[in-house]
Amino acid sequence: MPPARARLELIQRAAALVVDAFDDYNARFSDITRRARKKFVQRDWEGQRRDARTRIGLYDECIAETIGRLETLLAERLLSRTLWLDIHAGYAGAITGKLDAELYKTFFNTLTRRLFKTRGVDPGMEFVALDIEPTEQITHPIARNIHSCSEAPAVAIQRLLAAREPGCNPDFIADDAARLAERLRHALTEAGDDRLLSIELLQVVFYRDRRAYLVGRAFGASRWLPCIIALTHGEDGIRPDALITERRQVSRLFGFTYSYFHADLPTVGDAIVFLRTLLPDKPIDELYTVLGRVKQGKTERYRHFFKHLEQARDEPLREADGKRGMVMMVFTQPTYPLVFKVVRDHFAPGKKIGREHVLTQYRLVFNHDRVGRLIDAQEYRHLEFGRDQLDARLVAELETECDRSVRVDARRVLIEHCFVQRRVRPLDLYLHEASDEEAEAMVLDYGQAIKDLARSNLFPGDLFLKNFGVTRSRRCVFYDYDEVSLITKLRFRRIPAARSEEEEFADRPWYPVEPGDVFPEHFPRFIDLSPRHREVFARAHGELFDPDWWRELQDRLRRDPAGDVQPYPDRARLDRNR
């Protein structure tokens, strides 16, 4: 075979191999996702958690397998840049017209970045389009069902519940449908409409953390509302538990502080288009991520941020507001809601942990149920900035404090490794800036955040206000993960009685303290609230200072490791007692 013909065939085979590899990843992703219905029906909550962890690791597993297959096919030409430029072109032609073409492109980019250890961006080797929205060409509507409610809404909803998987308990459908119809009518009335005409629901059911969600919209005569029906599976079978119509609550449900949904979507882009009708202000990267497409979420986050940074060169990146962290250097761009966290080379004397421990902790959180209280932290490698895009003082700090992770030359700043999170307002700053009513509400939510984390088997370790923040939707979240621990691995102890005044007033404890010991009676000294707010906190959450509360929680978690934290407010729940 002539060399030119052989080369062309090799390029076509390599491009086809990568297309097949992504299709294989997609099929395996869907296989895991489809199991969510079975886990829900069987109330296999621990199996549900295992599947969630398995699916998170699947992408990197498939990338490694694909690199192995490419090594076999390309042999000594595996790292031939000229060959890969042509493979890039062949791959682009092979995926033209695919609805989820952007996901295929991200898979290709990940492969080439791993193979060539790319720093910054290589436009010749990667698919890069900062000015293109990945869903703007999508006109294919996602599959949905429309249920007419104009004559008898309760009857229509009864039919809806009876027909939908995963199958509601027929003994309660009539009563539950009546409650849903009443709640929808009330929500529309409050919105300025007076009649429920129809409900439009996606055919795909969304599963996450012991709940299934029917996602869609409710239409009145002159307006529509989000309509999300949350189903739970308890002792009386599968039943509607809540109706969510407030956009703020929908935004939280699809937000960056929750684990990823399992929704068996044939294609992702059209689902994103629909979800953006419910949440027009939600960043597209968060929607990809919350659907489990984490790599695509990272790609979209990168693309949007660097496009913004190019347009805002008069606002260089600078150190983030709030108290300096002892473990991380944190910087941000003032007009963009992200923070970049780089591990320091050396920690403050009070931190008896190392770099690897910190990375392990962040990865623990990445795989843990975040229950709406932990900010998703995405790892990035080899981010390249123009030196003029960073404040000069920040560059100097990064060179001094983070030399292991940062490279600086006359033109560029290269961040070898960092975590990127959504920016929130540090709680200590928020409490100084907020009105009395807002501050008191957030003090109460701060206590609730600690409880929610505990019920998911996580102890924050460090309860200082500076480690918590407030989201745009006024929710308290935790974002400093270097000292988190599993509740079930700790020992919650009472402080032993002092045997003398010398012991009682000594600077150091008069009793032995072992690794893993926690003394809740000491918490008030670490909860750095004002006296008035401390009193508010103690009235509502005083049980957090009692070791028995924590021990009882440990017992429950050992019996039921999955735990359960309600992801919507009580007012969204249906009243089943009437």
Protein backbone atom coordinates (compact mmCIF):
# COMPACT_ATOMS: atom_id res chain seq x y z
CA MET A 1 0.00 0.00 0.00
CA PRO A 2 1.43 3.44 -0.93
CA PRO A 3 2.66 5.41 2.09
CA ALA A 4 0.15 8.23 1.53
CA ARG A 5 -2.73 5.74 1.37
CA ALA A 6 -1.50 3.92 4.46
CA ARG A 7 -1.23 7.19 6.35
CA LEU A 8 -4.74 8.25 5.37
CA GLU A 9 -6.11 4.89 6.48
CA LEU A 10 -4.30 5.19 9.81
CA ILE A 11 -5.79 8.66 10.36
CA GLN A 12 -9.29 7.41 9.59
CA ARG A 13 -8.90 4.41 11.90
CA ALA A 14 -7.60 6.60 14.74
CA ALA A 15 -10.44 9.11 14.34
CA ALA A 16 -13.00 6.28 14.23
CA LEU A 17 -11.40 4.69 17.29
CA VAL A 18 -11.89 7.89 19.30
CA VAL A 19 -15.50 8.26 18.11
CA ASP A 20 -16.16 4.65 19.11
CA ALA A 21 -14.45 5.23 22.46
CA PHE A 22 -16.73 8.14 23.28
CA ASP A 23 -19.77 6.16 22.18
CA ASP A 24 -18.63 3.34 24.49
CA TYR A 25 -18.20 5.80 27.38
CA ASN A 26 -21.63 7.23 26.68
CA ALA A 27 -23.22 3.77 26.63
CA ARG A 28 -21.56 2.81 29.93
CA PHE A 29 -22.60 6.15 31.44
CA SER A 30 -26.20 5.42 30.38
CA ASP A 31 -26.05 1.86 31.74
CA ILE A 32 -25.15 3.17 35.20
CA THR A 33 -27.68 5.99 34.96
CA ARG A 34 -30.53 3.63 34.00
CA ARG A 35 -29.92 1.61 37.15
CA ALA A 36 -31.11 4.60 39.20
CA ARG A 37 -34.75 3.66 38.67
CA LYS A 38 -34.17 0.12 39.95
CA LYS A 39 -32.24 1.38 42.98
CA PHE A 40 -35.07 3.78 43.79
CA VAL A 41 -37.79 1.15 43.43
CA GLN A 42 -35.82 -1.31 45.58
CA ARG A 43 -34.85 1.40 48.10
CA ASP A 44 -31.23 0.36 47.59
CA TRP A 45 -29.73 3.61 48.83
CA GLU A 46 -26.23 2.26 49.40
CA GLY A 47 -26.24 0.82 45.87
CA GLN A 48 -27.37 4.22 44.62
CA ARG A 49 -24.33 5.82 46.28
CA ARG A 50 -21.96 3.22 44.82
CA ASP A 51 -23.31 3.86 41.33
CA ALA A 52 -22.86 7.61 41.81
CA ARG A 53 -19.20 7.11 42.72
CA THR A 54 -18.65 4.64 39.87
CA ARG A 55 -20.12 7.02 37.32
CA ILE A 56 -17.92 9.89 38.51
CA GLY A 57 -14.79 7.80 37.90
CA LEU A 58 -15.97 6.39 34.56
CA TYR A 59 -14.68 9.21 32.35
CA ASP A 60 -11.06 8.92 33.44
CA GLU A 61 -11.31 5.13 33.23
CA CYS A 62 -12.48 5.34 29.61
CA ILE A 63 -9.81 7.90 28.72
CA ALA A 64 -7.12 5.54 30.05
CA GLU A 65 -8.58 2.62 28.08
CA THR A 66 -8.67 4.73 24.90
CA ILE A 67 -5.05 5.78 25.27
CA GLY A 68 -4.13 2.09 25.57
CA ARG A 69 -5.97 1.29 22.34
CA LEU A 70 -4.30 4.24 20.58
CA GLU A 71 -0.89 3.02 21.73
CA THR A 72 -1.60 -0.31 20.03
CA LEU A 73 -2.86 1.30 16.83
CA LEU A 74 -0.33 4.13 16.42
CA ALA A 75 2.70 2.50 18.09
CA GLU A 76 5.77 4.74 17.68
CA ARG A 77 3.64 7.43 16.04
CA LEU A 78 1.44 7.88 19.12
CA LEU A 79 3.02 11.27 19.88
CA SER A 80 3.40 12.47 16.29
CA ARG A 81 2.02 15.99 16.33
CA THR A 82 1.62 16.20 12.55
CA LEU A 83 -0.35 12.95 12.55
CA TRP A 84 -2.62 14.17 15.34
CA LEU A 85 -3.36 17.39 13.48
CA ASP A 86 -4.82 15.26 10.70
CA ILE A 87 -6.62 12.96 13.16
CA HIS A 88 -8.18 16.13 14.61
CA ALA A 89 -9.50 17.09 11.17
CA GLY A 90 -10.81 13.57 10.49
CA TYR A 91 -12.52 13.44 13.87
CA ALA A 92 -14.15 16.84 13.28
CA GLY A 93 -15.68 15.50 10.07
CA ALA A 94 -16.87 12.32 11.76
CA ILE A 95 -18.85 14.15 14.45
CA THR A 96 -20.34 16.87 12.25
CA GLY A 97 -24.10 17.05 12.75
CA LYS A 98 -24.19 15.12 16.02
CA LEU A 99 -26.51 16.74 18.55
CA ASP A 100 -23.96 16.29 21.35
CA ALA A 101 -20.94 17.16 19.23
CA GLU A 102 -19.49 19.32 22.01
CA LEU A 103 -19.23 16.30 24.30
CA TYR A 104 -17.30 14.43 21.59
CA LYS A 105 -14.95 17.41 21.23
CA THR A 106 -14.27 17.55 24.95
CA PHE A 107 -13.43 13.82 24.96
CA PHE A 108 -10.92 14.40 22.14
CA ASN A 109 -9.41 17.38 23.96
CA THR A 110 -8.94 15.34 27.12
CA LEU A 111 -7.11 12.64 25.16
CA THR A 112 -4.69 15.02 23.47
CA ARG A 113 -4.04 16.97 26.67
CA ARG A 114 -3.18 13.74 28.49
CA LEU A 115 -0.97 12.50 25.66
CA PHE A 116 0.91 15.74 25.01
CA LYS A 117 0.73 17.15 28.56
CA THR A 118 -0.59 20.38 27.06
CA ARG A 119 0.05 23.62 28.94
CA GLY A 120 -2.55 26.30 28.37
CA VAL A 121 -4.46 25.67 25.12
CA ASP A 122 -3.21 24.23 21.84
CA PRO A 123 -5.67 25.47 19.16
CA GLY A 124 -4.21 23.21 16.48
CA MET A 125 -4.62 20.09 18.57
CA GLU A 126 -7.81 20.95 20.47
CA PHE A 127 -11.33 22.07 19.70
CA VAL A 128 -11.45 25.63 21.01
CA ALA A 129 -14.31 28.05 20.33
CA LEU A 130 -14.65 30.72 22.98
CA ASP A 131 -17.35 32.54 21.02
CA ILE A 132 -19.74 29.63 20.35
CA GLU A 133 -22.53 28.49 22.63
CA PRO A 134 -22.62 24.68 22.47
CA THR A 135 -26.42 24.53 22.39
CA GLU A 136 -27.20 27.43 20.08
CA GLN A 137 -27.72 25.20 17.02
CA ILE A 138 -30.05 22.78 18.82
CA THR A 139 -33.63 22.97 17.57
CA HIS A 140 -34.59 19.35 18.26
CA PRO A 141 -36.99 19.40 21.25
CA ILE A 142 -36.44 17.02 24.14
CA ALA A 143 -39.15 14.36 24.48
CA ARG A 144 -41.96 15.45 26.77
CA ASN A 145 -45.59 14.69 27.55
CA ILE A 146 -48.34 17.30 27.79
CA HIS A 147 -51.26 16.63 30.14
CA SER A 148 -54.39 18.73 29.67
CA CYS A 149 -55.83 20.03 32.95
CA SER A 150 -58.41 22.48 31.69
CA GLU A 151 -61.47 20.43 32.69
CA ALA A 152 -60.53 18.59 35.90
CA PRO A 153 -56.94 19.20 37.04
CA ALA A 154 -57.01 16.64 39.87
CA VAL A 155 -58.24 13.92 37.51
CA ALA A 156 -55.58 14.81 34.92
CA ILE A 157 -52.83 14.68 37.56
CA GLN A 158 -54.23 11.38 38.82
CA ARG A 159 -53.83 9.94 35.31
CA LEU A 160 -50.36 11.45 35.10
CA LEU A 161 -49.22 9.80 38.34
CA ALA A 162 -50.77 6.46 37.41
CA ALA A 163 -49.07 6.38 34.03
CA ARG A 164 -45.60 7.55 34.99
CA GLU A 165 -42.65 5.47 36.04
CA PRO A 166 -41.35 4.69 38.64
CA GLY A 167 -44.95 3.91 39.69
CA CYS A 168 -46.78 5.66 42.52
CA ASN A 169 -48.75 3.70 45.10
CA PRO A 170 -52.28 3.45 43.62
CA ASP A 171 -53.87 3.53 47.08
CA PHE A 172 -52.89 7.18 47.51
CA ILE A 173 -52.88 8.53 43.95
CA ALA A 174 -56.31 10.18 44.13
CA ASP A 175 -55.55 12.07 47.34
CA ASP A 176 -52.01 13.01 46.26
CA ALA A 177 -53.28 14.24 42.88
CA ALA A 178 -55.87 16.44 44.59
CA ARG A 179 -53.17 17.99 46.77
CA LEU A 180 -50.92 18.62 43.81
CA ALA A 181 -53.76 20.22 41.84
CA GLU A 182 -54.58 22.50 44.75
CA ARG A 183 -50.96 23.51 45.22
CA LEU A 184 -50.48 24.23 41.52
CA ARG A 185 -53.65 26.29 41.40
CA HIS A 186 -52.48 28.27 44.43
CA ALA A 187 -49.01 28.86 42.92
CA LEU A 188 -50.52 30.12 39.66
CA THR A 189 -52.93 32.38 41.53
CA GLU A 190 -50.03 33.93 43.42
CA ALA A 191 -48.27 34.45 40.09
CA GLY A 192 -51.28 36.35 38.72
CA ASP A 193 -53.07 33.59 36.82
CA ASP A 194 -56.36 31.95 37.70
CA ARG A 195 -56.50 28.69 35.77
CA LEU A 196 -54.32 25.57 35.34
CA LEU A 197 -54.54 24.55 31.68
CA SER A 198 -51.82 21.95 31.23
CA ILE A 199 -48.72 20.32 32.67
CA GLU A 200 -45.73 19.56 30.46
CA LEU A 201 -43.27 16.98 31.84
CA LEU A 202 -40.06 15.57 30.42
CA GLN A 203 -40.34 11.85 29.69
CA VAL A 204 -37.05 11.25 31.49
CA VAL A 205 -37.20 10.97 35.29
CA PHE A 206 -34.39 12.56 37.33
CA TYR A 207 -33.03 10.55 40.28
CA ARG A 208 -30.81 11.69 43.11
CA ASP A 209 -30.35 10.91 46.81
CA ARG A 210 -33.46 8.84 47.62
CA ARG A 211 -35.73 10.94 45.43
CA ALA A 212 -37.13 10.89 41.93
CA TYR A 213 -38.15 14.11 40.18
CA LEU A 214 -40.71 14.70 37.44
CA VAL A 215 -39.44 17.84 35.74
CA GLY A 216 -41.47 20.22 33.62
CA ARG A 217 -43.73 23.27 33.49
CA ALA A 218 -47.30 24.14 34.52
CA PHE A 219 -49.21 26.43 32.15
CA GLY A 220 -51.97 28.83 33.09
CA ALA A 221 -54.00 31.06 30.82
CA SER A 222 -51.40 33.83 30.71
CA ARG A 223 -48.19 32.50 32.26
CA TRP A 224 -46.30 29.36 33.22
CA LEU A 225 -44.30 28.17 36.21
CA PRO A 226 -41.64 25.53 36.75
CA CYS A 227 -43.29 22.30 37.91
CA ILE A 228 -41.11 19.74 39.64
CA ILE A 229 -42.77 16.89 41.51
CA ALA A 230 -40.49 15.17 44.00
CA LEU A 231 -41.26 11.51 44.69
CA THR A 232 -40.07 9.58 47.73
CA HIS A 233 -40.17 5.87 48.49
CA GLY A 234 -41.12 5.26 52.10
CA GLU A 235 -43.03 2.70 54.09
CA ASP A 236 -46.24 3.49 52.18
CA GLY A 237 -44.62 3.10 48.78
CA ILE A 238 -43.75 5.67 46.14
CA ARG A 239 -45.63 8.93 46.62
CA PRO A 240 -45.32 12.62 45.71
CA ASP A 241 -43.58 14.37 48.60
CA ALA A 242 -43.22 17.94 47.34
CA LEU A 243 -44.10 20.35 44.56
CA ILE A 244 -41.46 22.91 43.58
CA THR A 245 -42.59 25.91 41.55
CA GLU A 246 -40.35 28.71 42.89
CA ARG A 247 -37.45 29.46 40.55
CA ARG A 248 -35.09 30.02 43.47
CA GLN A 249 -35.80 26.53 44.79
CA VAL A 250 -35.47 25.02 41.31
CA SER A 251 -32.14 26.81 40.95
CA ARG A 252 -30.92 25.33 44.23
CA LEU A 253 -32.05 21.86 43.20
CA PHE A 254 -30.02 22.12 39.98
CA GLY A 255 -27.19 24.00 41.66
CA PHE A 256 -23.50 23.64 42.42
CA THR A 257 -23.98 22.47 46.02
CA TYR A 258 -25.72 19.20 45.20
CA SER A 259 -24.56 15.88 43.80
CA TYR A 260 -25.26 14.99 40.20
CA PHE A 261 -28.59 13.77 38.85
CA HIS A 262 -29.01 10.38 37.24
CA ALA A 263 -31.28 11.06 34.26
CA ASP A 264 -31.13 8.71 31.27
CA LEU A 265 -31.05 11.34 28.54
CA PRO A 266 -30.58 10.05 24.96
CA THR A 267 -28.86 13.36 24.20
CA VAL A 268 -27.77 16.05 26.62
CA GLY A 269 -27.83 19.27 24.63
CA ASP A 270 -31.59 19.35 24.12
CA ALA A 271 -32.11 18.74 27.86
CA ILE A 272 -29.85 21.73 28.60
CA VAL A 273 -31.93 23.87 26.24
CA PHE A 274 -35.12 22.91 28.11
CA LEU A 275 -33.63 23.42 31.56
CA ARG A 276 -32.51 26.89 30.56
CA THR A 277 -36.15 27.81 30.00
CA LEU A 278 -36.69 27.05 33.70
CA LEU A 279 -33.42 28.64 34.78
CA PRO A 280 -32.38 31.33 32.28
CA ASP A 281 -29.77 32.77 34.66
CA LYS A 282 -28.13 29.43 35.47
CA PRO A 283 -24.63 29.11 33.92
CA ILE A 284 -24.57 26.44 31.26
CA ASP A 285 -21.53 24.79 32.85
CA GLU A 286 -23.52 24.13 36.03
CA LEU A 287 -26.31 22.46 34.07
CA TYR A 288 -23.91 20.12 32.29
CA THR A 289 -22.24 19.33 35.60
CA VAL A 290 -25.42 18.67 37.57
CA LEU A 291 -26.45 16.18 34.86
CA GLY A 292 -23.23 14.28 35.52
CA ARG A 293 -21.35 15.59 32.47
CA VAL A 294 -18.56 16.93 34.62
CA LYS A 295 -15.87 17.24 31.94
CA GLN A 296 -18.22 19.16 29.68
CA GLY A 297 -19.11 21.38 32.62
CA LYS A 298 -15.41 22.07 33.15
CA THR A 299 -14.98 22.85 29.46
CA GLU A 300 -17.89 25.29 29.46
CA ARG A 301 -16.67 26.90 32.70
CA TYR A 302 -13.22 27.41 31.15
CA ARG A 303 -14.64 28.74 27.89
CA HIS A 304 -16.98 31.26 29.52
CA PHE A 305 -14.44 32.47 32.04
CA PHE A 306 -11.59 33.06 29.59
CA LYS A 307 -13.92 34.75 27.13
CA HIS A 308 -14.97 37.11 29.94
CA LEU A 309 -11.37 37.63 31.03
CA GLU A 310 -10.38 38.72 27.53
CA GLN A 311 -13.20 41.27 27.55
CA ALA A 312 -12.37 42.61 31.03
CA ARG A 313 -8.64 43.23 30.87
CA ASP A 314 -9.02 46.38 32.98
CA GLU A 315 -10.10 44.16 35.91
CA PRO A 316 -7.17 41.86 36.68
CA LEU A 317 -7.46 38.80 38.88
CA ARG A 318 -6.76 39.58 42.54
CA GLU A 319 -6.80 37.93 45.92
CA ALA A 320 -10.35 37.09 47.03
CA ASP A 321 -12.12 38.93 49.84
CA GLY A 322 -12.10 37.41 53.31
CA LYS A 323 -9.48 36.16 55.71
CA ARG A 324 -6.48 34.52 54.14
CA GLY A 325 -6.52 30.76 54.18
CA MET A 326 -3.67 28.93 55.88
CA VAL A 327 -3.71 26.17 53.24
CA MET A 328 -4.86 27.82 50.00
CA MET A 329 -4.13 30.99 48.08
CA VAL A 330 -7.51 32.10 46.73
CA PHE A 331 -7.94 34.59 43.89
CA THR A 332 -10.81 35.80 41.73
CA GLN A 333 -11.88 38.18 38.99
CA PRO A 334 -14.15 40.86 40.53
CA THR A 335 -16.88 40.68 37.89
CA TYR A 336 -16.98 36.90 37.48
CA PRO A 337 -18.36 34.50 40.12
CA LEU A 338 -15.47 32.03 40.34
CA VAL A 339 -12.54 31.57 42.73
CA PHE A 340 -9.27 29.78 42.01
CA LYS A 341 -7.67 27.94 44.92
CA VAL A 342 -3.99 27.00 44.79
CA VAL A 343 -2.39 24.89 47.52
CA ARG A 344 0.39 26.75 49.35
CA ASP A 345 3.88 25.24 49.48
CA HIS A 346 3.96 25.57 53.26
CA PHE A 347 1.06 25.79 55.69
CA ALA A 348 0.72 27.98 58.75
CA PRO A 349 2.10 26.40 61.97
CA GLY A 350 -1.39 25.58 63.23
CA LYS A 351 -2.05 23.23 60.29
CA LYS A 352 -0.56 19.80 60.95
CA ILE A 353 -1.41 18.38 57.55
CA GLY A 354 0.37 18.08 54.22
CA ARG A 355 -0.37 18.78 50.58
CA GLU A 356 -1.43 15.22 49.73
CA HIS A 357 -3.85 15.21 52.65
CA VAL A 358 -5.50 18.37 51.31
CA LEU A 359 -5.87 16.89 47.82
CA THR A 360 -7.35 13.72 49.31
CA GLN A 361 -9.90 15.75 51.28
CA TYR A 362 -11.06 17.67 48.22
CA ARG A 363 -11.47 14.43 46.28
CA LEU A 364 -13.43 12.95 49.18
CA VAL A 365 -15.92 15.81 48.90
CA PHE A 366 -16.03 15.42 45.10
CA ASN A 367 -17.36 11.87 45.57
CA HIS A 368 -19.55 12.61 48.59
CA ASP A 369 -23.23 13.54 48.77
CA ARG A 370 -23.04 17.35 49.04
CA VAL A 371 -26.65 17.78 50.35
CA GLY A 372 -26.81 21.40 49.17
CA ARG A 373 -24.13 22.52 51.65
CA LEU A 374 -20.80 21.86 49.89
CA ILE A 375 -19.58 23.77 46.84
CA ASP A 376 -18.53 21.58 43.93
CA ALA A 377 -14.73 21.96 43.54
CA GLN A 378 -13.39 21.12 40.09
CA GLU A 379 -9.71 20.31 39.54
CA TYR A 380 -7.89 22.08 36.72
CA ARG A 381 -4.35 21.55 35.48
CA HIS A 382 -2.07 23.69 33.34
CA LEU A 383 -4.16 26.87 33.25
CA GLU A 384 -2.35 29.65 31.45
CA PHE A 385 -2.95 33.37 32.10
CA GLY A 386 -1.33 36.42 30.62
CA ARG A 387 0.80 38.02 33.31
CA ASP A 388 -1.02 41.30 32.76
CA GLN A 389 -4.31 39.53 33.60
CA LEU A 390 -3.23 39.17 37.23
CA ASP A 391 -2.70 41.91 39.79
CA ALA A 392 1.06 42.41 40.33
CA ARG A 393 0.72 41.77 44.08
CA LEU A 394 -1.09 38.52 43.38
CA VAL A 395 1.68 37.38 41.03
CA ALA A 396 4.27 38.12 43.70
CA GLU A 397 2.26 36.20 46.31
CA LEU A 398 1.82 33.20 44.02
CA GLU A 399 5.55 33.11 43.28
CA THR A 400 6.38 33.30 46.97
CA GLU A 401 3.66 31.08 48.45
CA CYS A 402 2.86 28.57 45.68
CA ASP A 403 6.08 27.93 43.79
CA ARG A 404 5.35 24.18 43.51
CA SER A 405 2.17 24.88 41.54
CA VAL A 406 2.91 28.13 39.71
CA ARG A 407 5.33 29.07 36.94
CA VAL A 408 5.84 32.74 36.07
CA ASP A 409 7.79 34.29 33.21
CA ALA A 410 7.78 37.71 31.57
CA ARG A 411 4.52 37.09 29.72
CA ARG A 412 2.66 34.23 31.37
CA VAL A 413 1.48 32.77 34.64
CA LEU A 414 0.98 29.00 34.43
CA ILE A 415 -1.05 27.36 37.19
CA GLU A 416 -0.02 23.70 37.20
CA HIS A 417 -2.84 22.66 39.53
CA CYS A 418 -5.78 24.36 41.23
CA PHE A 419 -9.37 23.94 42.32
CA VAL A 420 -12.10 26.17 40.91
CA GLN A 421 -15.33 26.88 42.77
CA ARG A 422 -18.27 29.23 42.50
CA ARG A 423 -17.61 32.36 44.54
CA VAL A 424 -19.80 32.99 47.56
CA ARG A 425 -19.70 35.75 50.15
CA PRO A 426 -17.73 34.65 53.23
CA LEU A 427 -20.14 34.29 56.14
CA ASP A 428 -18.13 36.50 58.51
CA LEU A 429 -18.26 39.37 55.98
CA TYR A 430 -21.92 38.76 55.17
CA LEU A 431 -22.97 39.03 58.83
CA HIS A 432 -21.29 42.45 59.09
CA GLU A 433 -22.95 43.72 55.91
CA ALA A 434 -26.47 42.29 56.19
CA SER A 435 -29.49 43.76 57.91
CA ASP A 436 -30.33 42.44 61.37
CA GLU A 437 -33.11 40.26 60.00
CA GLU A 438 -30.96 38.85 57.18
CA ALA A 439 -28.03 38.23 59.51
CA GLU A 440 -30.17 36.39 62.05
CA ALA A 441 -31.69 34.20 59.33
CA MET A 442 -28.20 33.28 58.11
CA VAL A 443 -26.99 32.47 61.63
CA LEU A 444 -29.86 29.98 61.84
CA ASP A 445 -28.99 28.55 58.42
CA TYR A 446 -25.34 28.28 59.48
CA GLY A 447 -26.41 25.92 62.26
CA GLN A 448 -28.66 24.03 59.86
CA ALA A 449 -25.74 23.67 57.44
CA ILE A 450 -23.65 22.00 60.16
CA LYS A 451 -26.55 19.63 60.89
CA ASP A 452 -27.14 18.84 57.23
CA LEU A 453 -23.46 18.04 56.73
CA ALA A 454 -23.48 15.87 59.84
CA ARG A 455 -26.52 13.93 58.62
CA SER A 456 -24.62 13.21 55.40
CA ASN A 457 -21.76 11.79 57.55
CA LEU A 458 -19.44 14.80 57.23
CA PHE A 459 -17.96 16.87 60.05
CA PRO A 460 -16.52 20.20 58.85
CA GLY A 461 -13.66 20.06 61.35
CA ASP A 462 -13.28 23.82 61.40
CA LEU A 463 -16.43 25.72 62.38
CA PHE A 464 -15.07 29.27 61.99
CA LEU A 465 -17.36 31.59 60.04
CA LYS A 466 -14.62 32.31 57.48
CA ASN A 467 -14.94 28.75 56.18
CA PHE A 468 -18.63 29.14 55.36
CA GLY A 469 -20.23 31.34 52.74
CA VAL A 470 -23.57 32.67 51.50
CA THR A 471 -24.85 31.92 47.99
CA ARG A 472 -26.88 34.26 45.80
CA SER A 473 -30.01 32.39 46.85
CA ARG A 474 -29.22 33.15 50.53
CA ARG A 475 -28.10 29.70 51.58
CA CYS A 476 -25.20 28.94 53.92
CA VAL A 477 -22.60 26.57 52.44
CA PHE A 478 -19.20 25.21 53.45
CA TYR A 479 -16.14 25.51 51.20
CA ASP A 480 -12.93 24.72 53.16
CA TYR A 481 -12.38 20.97 52.98
CA ASP A 482 -8.89 20.38 54.36
CA GLU A 483 -10.15 19.20 57.78
CA VAL A 484 -13.40 17.42 56.95
CA SER A 485 -13.92 13.98 58.50
CA LEU A 486 -16.51 11.24 58.36
CA ILE A 487 -18.73 11.41 61.44
CA THR A 488 -18.55 7.64 61.85
CA LYS A 489 -14.75 7.75 62.22
CA LEU A 490 -14.70 10.27 65.09
CA ARG A 491 -15.11 9.93 68.86
CA PHE A 492 -17.41 12.52 70.42
CA ARG A 493 -16.44 12.90 74.06
CA ARG A 494 -17.49 14.87 77.11
CA ILE A 495 -14.89 17.02 78.80
CA PRO A 496 -13.75 15.17 81.93
CA ALA A 497 -14.30 17.02 85.21
CA ALA A 498 -11.26 18.94 86.45
CA ARG A 499 -9.71 17.55 89.62
CA SER A 500 -8.39 20.92 90.77
CA GLU A 501 -8.49 24.65 90.04
CA GLU A 502 -5.05 24.36 88.48
CA GLU A 503 -6.38 21.84 85.98
CA GLU A 504 -9.57 23.82 85.31
CA PHE A 505 -7.72 27.04 84.44
CA ALA A 506 -4.69 25.50 82.76
CA ASP A 507 -3.76 26.63 79.24
CA ARG A 508 -3.68 23.03 78.01
CA PRO A 509 -6.23 20.24 78.49
CA TRP A 510 -5.74 18.21 81.70
CA TYR A 511 -7.08 15.09 79.93
CA PRO A 512 -5.59 13.03 77.09
CA VAL A 513 -6.69 13.91 73.56
CA GLU A 514 -6.20 11.36 70.79
CA PRO A 515 -6.53 11.82 67.02
CA GLY A 516 -10.23 11.64 66.13
CA ASP A 517 -11.40 12.99 69.51
CA VAL A 518 -14.02 15.74 69.29
CA PHE A 519 -15.39 17.69 72.27
CA PRO A 520 -18.69 19.37 71.26
CA GLU A 521 -18.79 21.31 74.56
CA HIS A 522 -15.84 23.29 73.16
CA PHE A 523 -17.72 24.31 70.00
CA PRO A 524 -18.95 27.66 71.37
CA ARG A 525 -15.37 28.95 71.45
CA PHE A 526 -14.90 28.09 67.76
CA ILE A 527 -18.23 29.51 66.62
CA ASP A 528 -17.03 33.10 66.39
CA LEU A 529 -20.41 34.86 66.49
CA SER A 530 -21.31 38.08 68.25
CA PRO A 531 -22.91 37.60 71.71
CA ARG A 532 -26.39 38.28 70.29
CA HIS A 533 -25.96 35.89 67.39
CA ARG A 534 -24.38 33.29 69.67
CA GLU A 535 -27.57 33.36 71.75
CA VAL A 536 -29.73 32.98 68.62
CA PHE A 537 -27.59 30.06 67.50
CA ALA A 538 -27.68 28.32 70.90
CA ARG A 539 -31.48 28.59 71.16
CA ALA A 540 -32.01 26.94 67.79
CA HIS A 541 -29.05 24.58 67.58
CA GLY A 542 -27.82 24.08 71.14
CA GLU A 543 -27.87 20.29 70.71
CA LEU A 544 -24.72 20.65 68.58
CA PHE A 545 -22.84 21.28 71.86
CA ASP A 546 -24.04 17.97 73.32
CA PRO A 547 -21.88 14.85 72.67
CA ASP A 548 -24.99 12.65 73.02
CA TRP A 549 -26.57 14.28 69.94
CA TRP A 550 -23.51 13.36 67.88
CA ARG A 551 -23.33 9.83 69.27
CA GLU A 552 -26.98 9.18 68.45
CA LEU A 553 -26.35 10.50 64.94
CA GLN A 554 -23.35 8.16 64.62
CA ASP A 555 -25.57 5.21 65.55
CA ARG A 556 -28.12 6.17 62.89
CA LEU A 557 -25.40 6.59 60.25
CA ARG A 558 -23.94 3.19 61.06
CA ARG A 559 -27.37 1.63 60.59
CA ASP A 560 -28.12 3.69 57.48
CA PRO A 561 -24.86 5.00 55.93
CA ALA A 562 -26.59 6.84 53.08
CA GLY A 563 -28.43 9.25 55.39
CA ASP A 564 -31.04 11.63 54.03
CA VAL A 565 -31.23 15.43 53.92
CA GLN A 566 -34.35 17.01 52.46
CA PRO A 567 -33.31 19.15 49.43
CA TYR A 568 -36.27 21.56 49.51
CA PRO A 569 -37.96 23.65 52.20
CA ASP A 570 -40.83 22.29 54.28
CA ARG A 571 -43.26 24.67 52.61
CA ALA A 572 -42.77 22.79 49.33
CA ARG A 573 -43.92 19.51 50.86
CA LEU A 574 -47.44 18.19 50.44
CA ASP A 575 -49.59 17.94 53.55
CA ARG A 576 -50.42 14.24 53.73
CA ASN A 577 -52.23 14.49 57.06
CA ARG A 578 -55.41 16.06 55.73
